C-alpha atoms as a PDB file:
ATOM      1  CA  MET A   1       0.843  -0.639 -33.038  1.00  0.00           C
ATOM      2  CA  LEU A   2      -2.957  -0.306 -31.520  1.00  0.00           C
ATOM      3  CA  ASN A   3      -3.405  -4.235 -32.011  1.00  0.00           C
ATOM      4  CA  ARG A   4       0.052  -4.628 -30.251  1.00  0.00           C
ATOM      5  CA  LEU A   5      -1.119  -2.489 -27.487  1.00  0.00           C
ATOM      6  CA  LYS A   6      -4.169  -4.199 -27.284  1.00  0.00           C
ATOM      7  CA  TYR A   7      -2.223  -7.562 -26.938  1.00  0.00           C
ATOM      8  CA  LEU A   8      -0.270  -6.504 -24.290  1.00  0.00           C
ATOM      9  CA  GLY A   9      -3.187  -5.186 -22.170  1.00  0.00           C
ATOM     10  CA  LYS A  10      -4.590  -8.401 -22.477  1.00  0.00           C
ATOM     11  CA  GLY A  11      -1.690 -10.173 -21.375  1.00  0.00           C
ATOM     12  CA  VAL A  12      -1.534  -8.097 -18.042  1.00  0.00           C
ATOM     13  CA  MET A  13      -5.102  -8.787 -17.494  1.00  0.00           C
ATOM     14  CA  MET A  14      -4.414 -12.330 -17.956  1.00  0.00           C
ATOM     15  CA  SER A  15      -1.571 -12.167 -15.341  1.00  0.00           C
ATOM     16  CA  THR A  16      -4.284 -10.532 -12.785  1.00  0.00           C
ATOM     17  CA  LEU A  17      -6.605 -12.897 -13.109  1.00  0.00           C
ATOM     18  CA  LYS A  18      -3.834 -15.821 -12.490  1.00  0.00           C
ATOM     19  CA  LEU A  19      -2.791 -14.225  -9.280  1.00  0.00           C
ATOM     20  CA  SER A  20      -6.266 -13.166  -8.061  1.00  0.00           C
ATOM     21  CA  LEU A  21      -6.976 -17.037  -8.505  1.00  0.00           C
ATOM     22  CA  THR A  22      -4.081 -18.364  -6.731  1.00  0.00           C
ATOM     23  CA  SER A  23      -5.009 -16.025  -3.801  1.00  0.00           C
ATOM     24  CA  PHE A  24      -8.973 -16.598  -3.517  1.00  0.00           C
ATOM     25  CA  LEU A  25      -7.550 -20.326  -3.551  1.00  0.00           C
ATOM     26  CA  CYS A  26      -4.964 -19.664  -0.905  1.00  0.00           C
ATOM     27  CA  ILE A  27      -7.938 -17.579   1.082  1.00  0.00           C
ATOM     28  CA  CYS A  28     -10.363 -20.839   0.582  1.00  0.00           C
ATOM     29  CA  LEU A  29      -7.775 -22.941   2.336  1.00  0.00           C
ATOM     30  CA  ILE A  30      -7.697 -20.550   5.515  1.00  0.00           C
ATOM     31  CA  VAL A  31     -11.349 -20.156   5.570  1.00  0.00           C
ATOM     32  CA  ILE A  32     -11.873 -23.718   5.378  1.00  0.00           C
ATOM     33  CA  SER A  33      -9.232 -25.171   7.988  1.00  0.00           C
ATOM     34  CA  GLY A  34      -9.607 -22.067  10.206  1.00  0.00           C
ATOM     35  CA  CYS A  35      -5.689 -21.811  10.460  1.00  0.00           C
ATOM     36  CA  VAL A  36      -3.241 -21.298   8.430  1.00  0.00           C
ATOM     37  CA  SER A  37      -0.597 -24.005   8.404  1.00  0.00           C
ATOM     38  CA  GLU A  38       3.335 -23.503   7.698  1.00  0.00           C
ATOM     39  CA  GLN A  39       3.007 -24.737   4.283  1.00  0.00           C
ATOM     40  CA  GLN A  40       0.260 -22.244   3.395  1.00  0.00           C
ATOM     41  CA  TYR A  41       2.740 -19.880   4.889  1.00  0.00           C
ATOM     42  CA  LYS A  42       5.704 -21.117   2.667  1.00  0.00           C
ATOM     43  CA  GLU A  43       2.851 -21.095  -0.476  1.00  0.00           C
ATOM     44  CA  LEU A  44       1.985 -17.544   0.605  1.00  0.00           C
ATOM     45  CA  ARG A  45       5.915 -16.433   0.740  1.00  0.00           C
ATOM     46  CA  VAL A  46       6.796 -18.170  -2.795  1.00  0.00           C
ATOM     47  CA  GLN A  47       3.100 -16.298  -3.868  1.00  0.00           C
ATOM     48  CA  ASN A  48       4.701 -13.222  -2.329  1.00  0.00           C
ATOM     49  CA  ASN A  49       8.178 -13.481  -4.313  1.00  0.00           C
ATOM     50  CA  THR A  50       6.312 -14.156  -7.946  1.00  0.00           C
ATOM     51  CA  GLN A  51       4.321 -10.894  -7.069  1.00  0.00           C
ATOM     52  CA  ARG A  52       7.261  -8.956  -6.214  1.00  0.00           C
ATOM     53  CA  LYS A  53       9.034 -10.259  -9.805  1.00  0.00           C
ATOM     54  CA  ARG A  54       5.735  -9.340 -11.887  1.00  0.00           C
ATOM     55  CA  ILE A  55       5.492  -5.822  -9.999  1.00  0.00           C
ATOM     56  CA  SER A  56       8.959  -5.266 -10.956  1.00  0.00           C
ATOM     57  CA  GLU A  57       8.395  -6.078 -14.528  1.00  0.00           C
ATOM     58  CA  ILE A  58       5.195  -4.136 -14.703  1.00  0.00           C
ATOM     59  CA  GLU A  59       7.282  -1.040 -13.472  1.00  0.00           C
ATOM     60  CA  SER A  60       9.921  -1.656 -16.214  1.00  0.00           C
ATOM     61  CA  GLU A  61       6.870  -1.954 -19.148  1.00  0.00           C
ATOM     62  CA  LEU A  62       5.564   1.274 -17.532  1.00  0.00           C
ATOM     63  CA  LYS A  63       8.658   3.232 -18.222  1.00  0.00           C
ATOM     64  CA  ALA A  64       8.999   1.979 -21.458  1.00  0.00           C
ATOM     65  CA  THR A  65       5.663   3.009 -22.349  1.00  0.00           C
ATOM     66  CA  LYS A  66       5.928   6.147 -20.459  1.00  0.00           C
ATOM     67  CA  LEU A  67       9.180   6.855 -22.630  1.00  0.00           C
ATOM     68  CA  LYS A  68       7.144   5.879 -25.827  1.00  0.00           C
ATOM     69  CA  LEU A  69       4.288   8.435 -25.102  1.00  0.00           C
ATOM     70  CA  ASP A  70       6.989  11.043 -24.553  1.00  0.00           C
ATOM     71  CA  ARG A  71       8.012  10.898 -27.837  1.00  0.00           C
ATOM     72  CA  LEU A  72       4.881  10.585 -29.415  1.00  0.00           C
ATOM     73  CA  GLN A  73       3.877  13.413 -27.614  1.00  0.00           C
ATOM     74  CA  ARG A  74       6.580  15.808 -28.750  1.00  0.00           C
ATOM     75  CA  LYS A  75       6.116  14.477 -32.142  1.00  0.00           C
ATOM     76  CA  LEU A  76       2.643  15.678 -32.017  1.00  0.00           C
ATOM     77  CA  ASP A  77       3.435  19.308 -30.855  1.00  0.00           C
ATOM     78  CA  SER A  78       5.593  19.718 -33.759  1.00  0.00           C
ATOM     79  CA  ALA A  79       3.092  18.009 -36.134  1.00  0.00           C
ATOM     80  CA  GLU A  80       2.866  21.688 -38.288  1.00  0.00           C
ATOM     81  CA  LYS A  81       4.096  19.677 -41.337  1.00  0.00           C
ATOM     82  CA  LEU A  82       1.937  16.256 -40.941  1.00  0.00           C
ATOM     83  CA  SER A  83      -1.362  16.027 -42.739  1.00  0.00           C
ATOM     84  CA  GLY A  84      -4.370  15.259 -40.803  1.00  0.00           C
ATOM     85  CA  VAL A  85      -4.366  11.608 -41.531  1.00  0.00           C
ATOM     86  CA  GLU A  86      -0.895  11.361 -39.749  1.00  0.00           C
ATOM     87  CA  THR A  87      -2.031  13.660 -36.828  1.00  0.00           C
ATOM     88  CA  ASP A  88      -5.154  11.560 -35.976  1.00  0.00           C
ATOM     89  CA  THR A  89      -3.174   8.151 -36.288  1.00  0.00           C
ATOM     90  CA  LEU A  90      -0.656   9.928 -33.937  1.00  0.00           C
ATOM     91  CA  GLN A  91      -3.760  10.941 -31.455  1.00  0.00           C
ATOM     92  CA  GLN A  92      -5.173   7.337 -31.450  1.00  0.00           C
ATOM     93  CA  LYS A  93      -1.556   5.942 -30.518  1.00  0.00           C
ATOM     94  CA  ILE A  94      -1.215   8.732 -27.885  1.00  0.00           C
ATOM     95  CA  ALA A  95      -4.947   7.703 -26.539  1.00  0.00           C
ATOM     96  CA  ALA A  96      -3.915   3.927 -26.358  1.00  0.00           C
ATOM     97  CA  LEU A  97      -0.530   4.324 -24.658  1.00  0.00           C
ATOM     98  CA  GLN A  98      -2.389   6.601 -22.431  1.00  0.00           C
ATOM     99  CA  GLU A  99      -5.068   3.973 -21.384  1.00  0.00           C
ATOM    100  CA  ASP A 100      -2.367   1.373 -21.239  1.00  0.00           C
ATOM    101  CA  LEU A 101      -0.375   3.163 -19.031  1.00  0.00           C
ATOM    102  CA  ALA A 102      -3.600   3.862 -16.635  1.00  0.00           C
ATOM    103  CA  LYS A 103      -4.416  -0.055 -16.469  1.00  0.00           C
ATOM    104  CA  LYS A 104      -0.638  -0.735 -15.764  1.00  0.00           C
ATOM    105  CA  LYS A 105      -0.460   1.831 -12.872  1.00  0.00           C
ATOM    106  CA  GLU A 106      -4.070  -0.072 -11.498  1.00  0.00           C
ATOM    107  CA  LEU A 107      -2.347  -3.238 -12.199  1.00  0.00           C
ATOM    108  CA  ILE A 108       0.270  -2.102  -9.873  1.00  0.00           C
ATOM    109  CA  ALA A 109      -1.449  -0.242  -7.037  1.00  0.00           C
ATOM    110  CA  ILE A 110      -3.187  -3.649  -6.714  1.00  0.00           C
ATOM    111  CA  MET A 111      -0.145  -5.915  -6.566  1.00  0.00           C
ATOM    112  CA  GLN A 112       0.973  -3.828  -4.016  1.00  0.00           C
ATOM    113  CA  LYS A 113      -1.806  -4.030  -1.708  1.00  0.00           C
ATOM    114  CA  GLN A 114      -2.170  -8.124  -2.139  1.00  0.00           C
ATOM    115  CA  LEU A 115       1.816  -7.828  -1.641  1.00  0.00           C
ATOM    116  CA  LEU A 116       1.521  -5.817   1.747  1.00  0.00           C
ATOM    117  CA  TYR A 117      -1.294  -8.373   3.582  1.00  0.00           C
ATOM    118  CA  GLY A 118      -0.720 -11.431   1.610  1.00  0.00           C
ATOM    119  CA  GLY A 119      -3.988 -12.234   0.720  1.00  0.00           C
ATOM    120  CA  ALA A 120      -4.796 -14.038   3.927  1.00  0.00           C
ATOM    121  CA  ARG A 121      -7.357 -13.547   6.473  1.00  0.00           C
ATOM    122  CA  LEU A 122      -6.758 -13.581  10.192  1.00  0.00           C
ATOM    123  CA  PRO A 123      -7.939 -16.387  12.516  1.00  0.00           C
ATOM    124  CA  VAL A 124     -11.361 -15.606  13.815  1.00  0.00           C
ATOM    125  CA  GLU A 125     -10.081 -15.409  17.592  1.00  0.00           C
ATOM    126  CA  LEU A 126      -7.355 -12.807  16.544  1.00  0.00           C
ATOM    127  CA  SER A 127      -9.740 -11.093  14.067  1.00  0.00           C
ATOM    128  CA  THR A 128     -12.556 -10.798  17.098  1.00  0.00           C
ATOM    129  CA  LYS A 129      -9.840  -9.313  19.482  1.00  0.00           C
ATOM    130  CA  LEU A 130      -8.759  -6.982  17.388  1.00  0.00           C
ATOM    131  CA  GLU A 131     -12.439  -5.563  16.453  1.00  0.00           C
ATOM    132  CA  ASP A 132     -13.066  -5.253  20.394  1.00  0.00           C
ATOM    133  CA  PHE A 133      -9.821  -3.494  20.377  1.00  0.00           C
ATOM    134  CA  ALA A 134     -10.941  -0.850  17.985  1.00  0.00           C
ATOM    135  CA  LYS A 135     -14.394  -0.515  19.107  1.00  0.00           C
ATOM    136  CA  ASP A 136     -15.661   2.579  20.395  1.00  0.00           C
ATOM    137  CA  LYS A 137     -11.986   4.293  19.991  1.00  0.00           C
ATOM    138  CA  GLU A 138     -11.922   7.641  18.133  1.00  0.00           C
ATOM    139  CA  LEU A 139      -8.169   7.783  16.635  1.00  0.00           C
ATOM    140  CA  VAL A 140      -8.708   3.498  15.756  1.00  0.00           C
ATOM    141  CA  THR A 141     -10.354   1.633  12.992  1.00  0.00           C
ATOM    142  CA  PHE A 142      -9.935  -2.259  11.876  1.00  0.00           C
ATOM    143  CA  ASP A 143     -10.288  -3.874   8.641  1.00  0.00           C
ATOM    144  CA  SER A 144     -10.821  -7.459   9.003  1.00  0.00           C
ATOM    145  CA  GLU A 145     -11.186  -8.031   5.588  1.00  0.00           C
ATOM    146  CA  ARG A 146      -7.054  -7.370   4.989  1.00  0.00           C
ATOM    147  CA  GLY A 147      -6.048  -7.480   8.890  1.00  0.00           C
ATOM    148  CA  ILE A 148      -5.255  -4.049   8.710  1.00  0.00           C
ATOM    149  CA  VAL A 149      -5.207  -1.758  12.438  1.00  0.00           C
ATOM    150  CA  LYS A 150      -5.514   1.976  10.894  1.00  0.00           C
ATOM    151  CA  PHE A 151      -4.492   4.704  13.338  1.00  0.00           C
ATOM    152  CA  LYS A 152      -5.099   8.802  12.473  1.00  0.00           C
ATOM    153  CA  SER A 153      -2.048  10.690  12.563  1.00  0.00           C
ATOM    154  CA  ASP A 154      -4.234  13.678  13.424  1.00  0.00           C
ATOM    155  CA  LEU A 155      -5.096  12.211  17.100  1.00  0.00           C
ATOM    156  CA  LEU A 156      -2.068   9.905  17.142  1.00  0.00           C
ATOM    157  CA  PHE A 157       0.818  12.730  16.637  1.00  0.00           C
ATOM    158  CA  GLU A 158       1.341  16.018  17.692  1.00  0.00           C
ATOM    159  CA  PRO A 159       1.195  18.263  14.781  1.00  0.00           C
ATOM    160  CA  GLY A 160       3.693  17.947  12.219  1.00  0.00           C
ATOM    161  CA  SER A 161       5.782  15.569  14.424  1.00  0.00           C
ATOM    162  CA  ASP A 162       6.685  12.255  15.079  1.00  0.00           C
ATOM    163  CA  GLN A 163       5.859  12.511  18.519  1.00  0.00           C
ATOM    164  CA  VAL A 164       2.972   9.851  19.933  1.00  0.00           C
ATOM    165  CA  THR A 165       0.623  11.630  22.131  1.00  0.00           C
ATOM    166  CA  PRO A 166       0.375   9.933  25.688  1.00  0.00           C
ATOM    167  CA  SER A 167      -3.400   8.727  25.267  1.00  0.00           C
ATOM    168  CA  SER A 168      -2.378   7.181  21.877  1.00  0.00           C
ATOM    169  CA  ILE A 169       0.314   5.432  23.379  1.00  0.00           C
ATOM    170  CA  GLU A 170      -1.885   3.498  25.749  1.00  0.00           C
ATOM    171  CA  ALA A 171      -3.900   2.280  22.869  1.00  0.00           C
ATOM    172  CA  VAL A 172      -1.165   1.194  20.975  1.00  0.00           C
ATOM    173  CA  LYS A 173       0.078  -0.610  24.396  1.00  0.00           C
ATOM    174  CA  SER A 174      -3.385  -2.598  24.141  1.00  0.00           C
ATOM    175  CA  LEU A 175      -2.750  -3.445  20.754  1.00  0.00           C
ATOM    176  CA  CYS A 176       0.469  -4.804  21.514  1.00  0.00           C
ATOM    177  CA  SER A 177      -0.903  -6.745  24.265  1.00  0.00           C
ATOM    178  CA  ILE A 178      -2.802  -8.791  21.288  1.00  0.00           C
ATOM    179  CA  LEU A 179       0.071  -8.830  19.225  1.00  0.00           C
ATOM    180  CA  ASN A 180       1.972 -10.753  21.938  1.00  0.00           C
ATOM    181  CA  SER A 181      -0.869 -13.146  22.562  1.00  0.00           C
ATOM    182  CA  LYS A 182      -0.579 -16.719  21.116  1.00  0.00           C
ATOM    183  CA  GLU A 183      -2.972 -16.498  18.422  1.00  0.00           C
ATOM    184  CA  ALA A 184      -0.972 -13.654  16.699  1.00  0.00           C
ATOM    185  CA  ASP A 185       2.633 -15.067  17.782  1.00  0.00           C
ATOM    186  CA  LYS A 186       2.454 -16.484  14.565  1.00  0.00           C
ATOM    187  CA  PHE A 187       2.057 -13.132  12.336  1.00  0.00           C
ATOM    188  CA  ASP A 188       4.801 -10.600  10.874  1.00  0.00           C
ATOM    189  CA  ILE A 189       3.762  -6.963  11.696  1.00  0.00           C
ATOM    190  CA  ILE A 190       4.305  -3.819   9.037  1.00  0.00           C
ATOM    191  CA  VAL A 191       3.781  -0.525  10.264  1.00  0.00           C
ATOM    192  CA  ALA A 192       3.071   1.994   7.409  1.00  0.00           C
ATOM    193  CA  GLY A 193       2.764   5.397   7.611  1.00  0.00           C
ATOM    194  CA  HIS A 194       0.904   7.901   5.153  1.00  0.00           C
ATOM    195  CA  THR A 195       0.583  11.458   4.792  1.00  0.00           C
ATOM    196  CA  ASP A 196      -1.512  14.052   2.328  1.00  0.00           C
ATOM    197  CA  ASN A 197      -0.496  16.431   0.052  1.00  0.00           C
ATOM    198  CA  ILE A 198       0.565  19.283   2.505  1.00  0.00           C
ATOM    199  CA  PRO A 199       3.969  20.354   1.999  1.00  0.00           C
ATOM    200  CA  ILE A 200       6.155  20.439   4.881  1.00  0.00           C
ATOM    201  CA  ALA A 201       6.286  24.189   5.397  1.00  0.00           C
ATOM    202  CA  LYS A 202       7.521  24.931   9.050  1.00  0.00           C
ATOM    203  CA  PRO A 203      11.418  25.334   8.704  1.00  0.00           C
ATOM    204  CA  ALA A 204      11.743  23.754  12.613  1.00  0.00           C
ATOM    205  CA  THR A 205       9.550  20.656  11.117  1.00  0.00           C
ATOM    206  CA  ARG A 206      11.442  20.587   7.955  1.00  0.00           C
ATOM    207  CA  GLN A 207      14.671  20.532   9.538  1.00  0.00           C
ATOM    208  CA  LYS A 208      13.828  16.592  11.065  1.00  0.00           C
ATOM    209  CA  HIS A 209      11.099  15.626   8.327  1.00  0.00           C
ATOM    210  CA  PRO A 210      12.319  17.336   5.191  1.00  0.00           C
ATOM    211  CA  THR A 211       9.409  15.605   3.279  1.00  0.00           C
ATOM    212  CA  ASN A 212       6.302  13.946   3.469  1.00  0.00           C
ATOM    213  CA  TRP A 213       8.872  10.355   2.736  1.00  0.00           C
ATOM    214  CA  HIS A 214      10.463  11.589   5.968  1.00  0.00           C
ATOM    215  CA  LEU A 215       7.667  12.310   7.763  1.00  0.00           C
ATOM    216  CA  SER A 216       5.555   8.822   6.910  1.00  0.00           C
ATOM    217  CA  ALA A 217       8.601   6.949   7.612  1.00  0.00           C
ATOM    218  CA  ASP A 218       9.521   8.586  10.912  1.00  0.00           C
ATOM    219  CA  ARG A 219       5.836   8.112  12.342  1.00  0.00           C
ATOM    220  CA  ALA A 220       5.569   4.463  11.391  1.00  0.00           C
ATOM    221  CA  ILE A 221       9.221   4.082  13.295  1.00  0.00           C
ATOM    222  CA  ALA A 222       7.810   6.123  16.215  1.00  0.00           C
ATOM    223  CA  ILE A 223       4.819   3.689  16.433  1.00  0.00           C
ATOM    224  CA  LEU A 224       7.206   0.394  16.039  1.00  0.00           C
ATOM    225  CA  LYS A 225       9.262   1.898  18.819  1.00  0.00           C
ATOM    226  CA  VAL A 226       6.509   2.043  20.854  1.00  0.00           C
ATOM    227  CA  MET A 227       5.804  -1.627  20.212  1.00  0.00           C
ATOM    228  CA  GLU A 228       9.278  -2.677  20.491  1.00  0.00           C
ATOM    229  CA  ASN A 229       9.201  -0.924  24.264  1.00  0.00           C
ATOM    230  CA  ASN A 230       6.057  -3.139  24.935  1.00  0.00           C
ATOM    231  CA  LYS A 231       7.440  -6.388  24.297  1.00  0.00           C
ATOM    232  CA  VAL A 232       6.653  -7.020  20.527  1.00  0.00           C
ATOM    233  CA  SER A 233       9.826  -8.844  18.895  1.00  0.00           C
ATOM    234  CA  SER A 234      11.760  -6.744  16.484  1.00  0.00           C
ATOM    235  CA  LYS A 235      12.253  -9.761  14.784  1.00  0.00           C
ATOM    236  CA  ARG A 236       8.451  -9.695  13.809  1.00  0.00           C
ATOM    237  CA  MET A 237       8.457  -5.924  12.807  1.00  0.00           C
ATOM    238  CA  SER A 238       9.310  -3.569   9.444  1.00  0.00           C
ATOM    239  CA  VAL A 239       8.510  -0.004   8.820  1.00  0.00           C
ATOM    240  CA  ARG A 240       7.672   1.377   5.114  1.00  0.00           C
ATOM    241  CA  GLY A 241       6.822   5.037   4.514  1.00  0.00           C
ATOM    242  CA  PHE A 242       4.326   5.651   1.367  1.00  0.00           C
ATOM    243  CA  SER A 243       4.530   9.793   1.734  1.00  0.00           C
ATOM    244  CA  LYS A 244       1.269  11.325   0.018  1.00  0.00           C
ATOM    245  CA  TYR A 245       1.233   8.533  -2.766  1.00  0.00           C
ATOM    246  CA  ARG A 246      -1.200   6.462  -1.225  1.00  0.00           C
ATOM    247  CA  PRO A 247      -4.348   8.510  -0.640  1.00  0.00           C
ATOM    248  CA  VAL A 248      -7.566   6.648   0.457  1.00  0.00           C
ATOM    249  CA  ALA A 249      -9.569   9.997  -0.312  1.00  0.00           C
ATOM    250  CA  PRO A 250      -9.573  12.645  -2.478  1.00  0.00           C
ATOM    251  CA  ASN A 251      -6.894  15.545  -1.282  1.00  0.00           C
ATOM    252  CA  LYS A 252      -8.357  19.056  -1.372  1.00  0.00           C
ATOM    253  CA  PRO A 253      -7.364  21.155  -4.350  1.00  0.00           C
ATOM    254  CA  ASN A 254      -4.277  23.187  -4.547  1.00  0.00           C
ATOM    255  CA  ASN A 255      -2.439  21.016  -1.669  1.00  0.00           C
ATOM    256  CA  LYS A 256      -5.302  21.615   0.914  1.00  0.00           C
ATOM    257  CA  GLY A 257      -4.776  17.749   1.938  1.00  0.00           C
ATOM    258  CA  ASN A 258      -7.263  15.368   3.673  1.00  0.00           C
ATOM    259  CA  PRO A 259      -6.979  14.286   7.180  1.00  0.00           C
ATOM    260  CA  GLU A 260      -8.111  10.638   6.233  1.00  0.00           C
ATOM    261  CA  ASN A 261      -5.087  10.223   4.203  1.00  0.00           C
ATOM    262  CA  ARG A 262      -2.584  10.745   7.360  1.00  0.00           C
ATOM    263  CA  ARG A 263      -2.749   8.145   9.036  1.00  0.00           C
ATOM    264  CA  VAL A 264      -0.243   4.792  10.549  1.00  0.00           C
ATOM    265  CA  GLU A 265      -1.472   1.643   9.264  1.00  0.00           C
ATOM    266  CA  ILE A 266      -0.308  -1.604  10.742  1.00  0.00           C
ATOM    267  CA  TYR A 267      -0.521  -4.839   8.944  1.00  0.00           C
ATOM    268  CA  ILE A 268      -0.491  -8.108  10.472  1.00  0.00           C
ATOM    269  CA  VAL A 269       0.642 -10.602   8.031  1.00  0.00           C
ATOM    270  CA  PRO A 270       2.216 -14.091   7.722  1.00  0.00           C
ATOM    271  CA  LYS A 271       5.556 -14.661   8.470  1.00  0.00           C
ATOM    272  CA  GLY A 272       8.229 -14.092   6.166  1.00  0.00           C
ATOM    273  CA  MET A 273       5.897 -11.536   3.968  1.00  0.00           C
END
């Protein structure tokens, strides 16, 4: 059993290495050429589809591992009649499954991040424009390695709301002028909403946004609408809501949250991703 788990772990890591190597080669091609060709877009789309299938497979393996772990844990909890050796064996199996579970979760998180931005760096001209846009703006940061513009939700929206503040609308408008430029017109846009772990408490807020899932998705849609109103093509855009499940920093104990996790991220990705 333990050897089998180790073997499965090695298989998972080999899959990761293969995917990472593919991503690395794609990035090298892009950096060398200075731009992304239509053929490279197609290759990235194929890679993305392969990634999605592999994520689905690992998620199925994750569920199976959880079931095995639950069964063994129940057996251990009721192990009054088992000998010391049998108890030790059970504990070793549980520890191995827990390690396997943690590796699978980590791998899924890495692969999902790769899936969002396709592994491609943006052209220098577009990246420079976005860096200049984010410079000296308190509510915006730009991750040039991953092509992500991040807005802080506490400054972007009214508290507990999906209403974009007037000052923030101007910032989004400025971003739209870049996204409508010739340097960006070959890219699609994913708007992703995130919250911290503070539950929706106010009845008035819960009526419109029952959970953090709703709030994260509704905030992403609100930004999409502002972008749509500023001539960014609807065909280029999609939205995602991640609720509290993709924190970038630890939340405070007892559901106290963390402002860093309340954010909207705008991913600039090759078309069709």
